[in-house]
Protein backbone atom coordinates (compact mmCIF):
# COMPACT_ATOMS: atom_id res chain seq x y z
CA PHE A 1 7.71 26.79 6.15
CA TYR A 2 8.03 23.47 4.40
CA ARG A 3 10.99 22.53 2.26
CA ALA A 4 11.55 19.27 0.41
CA ASP A 5 13.20 17.75 -2.60
CA LEU A 6 10.97 16.20 -5.21
CA ILE A 7 12.00 13.15 -7.19
CA THR A 8 9.64 12.19 -9.96
CA ARG A 9 9.72 9.09 -12.07
CA GLN A 10 6.95 7.88 -14.31
CA ILE A 11 6.09 4.23 -13.90
CA PRO A 12 4.41 3.21 -17.15
CA GLN A 13 1.26 1.12 -17.41
CA THR A 14 0.21 1.34 -13.78
CA GLN A 15 -3.02 1.59 -11.86
CA THR A 16 -3.57 2.44 -8.24
CA LEU A 17 -4.56 -0.43 -6.01
CA ALA A 18 -7.99 1.20 -5.72
CA GLN A 19 -8.39 1.39 -9.51
CA ARG A 20 -7.33 -2.22 -9.99
CA LEU A 21 -9.76 -3.43 -7.34
CA THR A 22 -12.70 -1.71 -9.03
CA VAL A 23 -12.02 -3.84 -12.12
CA THR A 24 -10.90 -7.21 -10.82
CA ALA A 25 -9.86 -9.19 -7.77
CA LEU A 26 -6.17 -9.55 -6.99
CA THR A 27 -4.53 -12.94 -6.88
CA THR A 28 -3.27 -14.30 -3.59
CA SER A 29 0.31 -13.80 -4.72
CA LEU A 30 -0.35 -10.18 -5.65
CA TRP A 31 -1.95 -9.45 -2.26
CA GLN A 32 1.09 -11.01 -0.64
CA GLY A 33 3.31 -8.91 -2.92
CA VAL A 34 1.60 -5.76 -1.68
CA GLY A 35 2.26 -6.86 1.90
CA LYS A 36 5.90 -7.67 1.15
CA THR A 37 6.43 -4.29 -0.51
CA ILE A 38 5.12 -2.46 2.55
CA ALA A 39 7.22 -4.70 4.80
CA ARG A 40 10.33 -3.90 2.77
CA PHE A 41 9.89 -0.19 3.51
CA HIS A 42 9.03 -0.84 7.15
CA SER A 43 12.13 -3.02 7.56
CA GLU A 44 14.16 0.06 6.57
CA SER A 45 12.23 2.09 9.18
CA ILE A 46 10.42 4.12 6.52
CA TRP A 47 7.03 5.34 7.70
CA HIS A 48 4.62 6.37 4.96
CA ALA A 49 2.48 9.23 6.25
CA ASP A 50 -0.36 8.53 3.82
CA LEU A 51 -0.42 4.80 3.15
CA ASN A 52 -3.69 4.25 1.32
CA ALA A 53 -5.10 2.37 -1.68
CA ARG A 54 -4.41 5.30 -3.99
CA ASN A 55 -0.71 5.52 -3.08
CA ILE A 56 0.04 1.95 -4.09
CA LEU A 57 0.63 1.35 -7.79
CA ILE A 58 0.49 -1.97 -9.63
CA ASP A 59 2.03 -2.28 -13.08
CA CYS A 60 1.06 -4.55 -15.96
CA ASP A 61 3.50 -7.21 -14.70
CA ASP A 62 2.01 -7.08 -11.17
CA GLY A 63 4.95 -5.10 -9.81
CA VAL A 64 4.01 -3.13 -6.69
CA PHE A 65 5.18 0.43 -5.99
CA LEU A 66 4.55 2.84 -3.12
CA ILE A 67 4.25 6.51 -4.06
CA ASP A 68 3.76 9.91 -2.41
CA PHE A 69 6.54 10.07 0.15
CA ASP A 70 6.48 13.83 0.69
CA LYS A 71 5.71 13.47 4.41
CA ALA A 72 7.43 10.13 5.01
CA LYS A 73 9.89 9.82 7.86
CA ILE A 74 12.55 7.46 9.05
CA ARG A 75 11.45 6.22 12.43
CA PRO A 76 13.08 4.06 15.06
CA PRO A 77 12.15 0.39 14.73
CA ASP A 78 8.84 -0.03 16.52
CA LYS A 79 6.02 -2.48 15.96
CA LYS A 80 3.35 0.06 16.97
CA TRP A 81 3.87 2.58 14.15
CA ARG A 82 4.13 -0.26 11.64
CA GLN A 83 0.81 -1.72 12.77
CA ASP A 84 -0.76 1.76 12.77
CA ASN A 85 0.46 2.23 9.19
CA LEU A 86 -1.16 -1.06 8.12
CA ARG A 87 -4.40 -0.09 9.88
CA ARG A 88 -4.40 3.16 7.90
CA LEU A 89 -4.29 1.15 4.67
CA SER A 90 -7.04 -1.14 5.93
CA ARG A 91 -9.26 1.84 6.75
CA SER A 92 -8.60 3.22 3.28
CA LEU A 93 -9.73 0.01 1.61
CA HIS A 94 -12.83 -0.28 3.79
CA LYS A 95 -13.71 3.39 3.28
CA ILE A 96 -13.54 3.07 -0.50
CA ASN A 97 -15.52 -0.16 -0.35
CA THR A 98 -18.36 1.53 1.54
CA SER A 99 -18.32 4.82 -0.40
CA GLY A 100 -20.30 3.49 -3.34
CA GLU A 101 -17.27 2.29 -5.27
CA SER A 102 -17.49 -1.47 -5.35
CA LEU A 103 -14.11 -3.04 -4.72
CA HIS A 104 -13.08 -6.64 -5.18
CA PHE A 105 -11.84 -6.74 -1.60
CA ASP A 106 -12.74 -8.76 1.49
CA SER A 107 -11.26 -9.94 4.77
CA ASP A 108 -9.54 -12.93 3.12
CA ASP A 109 -7.66 -10.52 0.84
CA TRP A 110 -6.48 -8.55 3.85
CA LYS A 111 -5.28 -11.77 5.49
CA GLN A 112 -3.18 -12.49 2.39
CA LEU A 113 -1.66 -9.00 2.49
CA VAL A 114 -0.77 -9.46 6.16
CA GLN A 115 0.67 -12.91 5.45
CA GLY A 116 2.91 -11.41 2.76
CA TYR A 117 3.90 -8.64 5.15
CA ASN A 118 4.79 -11.14 7.89
CA THR A 119 6.81 -13.40 5.56
CA PHE A 120 9.05 -10.65 4.19
């Protein structure tokens, strides 16, 4: 059996990271903002079970939100699970990029995300 509480809040005028990247490239500061947002959760020991480009929302003011926490867990501080979580997001972006959907995404963008993550 699986039991959980569901909290729902609509965030107006948002797109997933994947949707945004099909339309336009992100600025350096926005990539860093994505990294900082993930780092903020990780600093509170929150592990996102399904961190991918479709579970990151960006609003019209370039605010960044993580969604879909139904299987998230609080984990002891550990660099390994944090790095594994980031690799999951990286795989997601690369998978979408090679699936026929053309994304405005390259290795320099990933470096900016990681820089934002590391400077949180």
